[in-house]
Amino acid sequence: MKPIQDIYPLLTTPHNVVITTHQKPDADAMGSSLAMYHFLTSFGHSVTVVSPTNWAKWLDWMPGSANVIDYELQRDRGGSRLTTGPMGVLPRF
């Protein structure tokens, strides 16, 4: 894990970011993914949230949930996000 001082400079230059959840995301997974989505978009990043599977519909009240890609149903949208990145490398924090 990197110290926060090393991560902050990465926020200043917009990047394409993909956030993934675990299968059948619960409220914790969906909430934390969408919180990171909103945080990063506030810095100008292009962010996509991809769930490997569907989620409980009662989670749809969360702001941004309509933008989450269900990979099982939308492989064409989700797969293209997972294979694009600077030189094909997806950085991890």
Protein backbone atom coordinates (compact mmCIF):
# COMPACT_ATOMS: atom_id res chain seq x y z
CA MET A 1 0.00 0.00 0.00
CA LYS A 2 1.25 3.46 -0.87
CA PRO A 3 1.35 6.37 1.56
CA ILE A 4 -1.36 8.97 0.88
CA GLN A 5 1.32 11.51 -0.10
CA ASP A 6 2.23 9.26 -3.06
CA ILE A 7 -1.37 8.85 -4.20
CA TYR A 8 -2.52 12.47 -4.11
CA PRO A 9 -0.43 13.58 -7.15
CA LEU A 10 -2.20 10.90 -9.22
CA LEU A 11 -5.49 12.67 -8.58
CA THR A 12 -4.45 15.90 -10.26
CA THR A 13 -4.24 14.44 -13.79
CA PRO A 14 -7.48 12.96 -15.13
CA HIS A 15 -7.39 9.23 -15.88
CA ASN A 16 -9.79 6.55 -17.05
CA VAL A 17 -10.63 4.53 -13.94
CA VAL A 18 -12.52 1.26 -13.56
CA ILE A 19 -13.88 0.28 -10.14
CA THR A 20 -15.06 -3.30 -9.68
CA THR A 21 -17.13 -4.95 -6.98
CA HIS A 22 -17.45 -8.55 -5.87
CA GLN A 23 -20.23 -10.76 -7.20
CA LYS A 24 -23.73 -9.91 -6.01
CA PRO A 25 -22.55 -6.66 -4.40
CA ASP A 26 -24.13 -5.79 -1.08
CA ALA A 27 -24.72 -2.30 0.30
CA ASP A 28 -21.11 -1.99 1.52
CA ALA A 29 -19.65 -2.90 -1.88
CA MET A 30 -22.04 -0.75 -3.87
CA GLY A 31 -21.82 2.19 -1.46
CA SER A 32 -18.03 2.26 -1.29
CA SER A 33 -17.69 1.83 -5.07
CA LEU A 34 -20.11 4.68 -5.74
CA ALA A 35 -18.45 6.87 -3.11
CA MET A 36 -15.11 6.37 -4.87
CA TYR A 37 -16.86 7.02 -8.21
CA HIS A 38 -18.18 10.39 -7.01
CA PHE A 39 -14.87 11.31 -5.33
CA LEU A 40 -12.83 10.60 -8.47
CA THR A 41 -15.28 12.28 -10.86
CA SER A 42 -15.05 15.41 -8.71
CA PHE A 43 -11.35 15.49 -9.70
CA GLY A 44 -12.23 15.19 -13.39
CA HIS A 45 -11.51 11.48 -13.86
CA SER A 46 -13.61 9.36 -16.21
CA VAL A 47 -14.88 6.58 -13.93
CA THR A 48 -16.76 3.38 -14.68
CA VAL A 49 -18.13 1.05 -12.00
CA VAL A 50 -18.47 -2.59 -13.09
CA SER A 51 -20.19 -5.32 -11.09
CA PRO A 52 -19.55 -8.92 -12.20
CA THR A 53 -23.23 -9.70 -11.55
CA ASN A 54 -26.51 -8.04 -10.70
CA TRP A 55 -27.30 -6.54 -7.30
CA ALA A 56 -30.37 -6.23 -5.11
CA LYS A 57 -32.73 -3.64 -6.60
CA TRP A 58 -33.21 -1.95 -3.22
CA LEU A 59 -29.67 -0.58 -3.72
CA ASP A 60 -30.80 1.46 -6.72
CA TRP A 61 -31.56 4.45 -4.45
CA MET A 62 -27.82 5.15 -4.26
CA PRO A 63 -26.75 8.12 -6.40
CA GLY A 64 -24.89 6.80 -9.44
CA SER A 65 -26.29 3.25 -9.29
CA ALA A 66 -27.93 3.71 -12.70
CA ASN A 67 -24.43 4.07 -14.19
CA VAL A 68 -23.08 0.77 -12.78
CA ILE A 69 -22.48 -1.84 -15.47
CA ASP A 70 -23.79 -5.36 -14.78
CA TYR A 71 -21.04 -7.33 -16.54
CA GLU A 72 -23.20 -10.45 -16.95
CA LEU A 73 -25.81 -8.47 -18.89
CA GLN A 74 -23.55 -5.90 -20.55
CA ARG A 75 -20.30 -7.68 -21.39
CA ASP A 76 -19.77 -5.47 -24.43
CA ARG A 77 -19.81 -2.29 -22.28
CA GLY A 78 -17.94 -3.73 -19.30
CA GLY A 79 -15.29 -5.62 -21.24
CA SER A 80 -14.23 -2.59 -23.27
CA ARG A 81 -13.67 -0.63 -20.04
CA LEU A 82 -11.48 -3.39 -18.60
CA THR A 83 -9.13 -3.59 -21.56
CA THR A 84 -8.45 0.10 -22.07
CA GLY A 85 -5.88 2.00 -20.12
CA PRO A 86 -2.51 3.64 -20.57
CA MET A 87 -0.50 1.05 -22.50
CA GLY A 88 -2.93 -1.64 -21.34
CA VAL A 89 -1.82 -1.31 -17.72
CA LEU A 90 -4.37 -0.69 -15.00
CA PRO A 91 -2.74 0.90 -11.95
CA ARG A 92 -3.77 -0.30 -8.52
CA PHE A 93 -3.76 1.84 -5.42
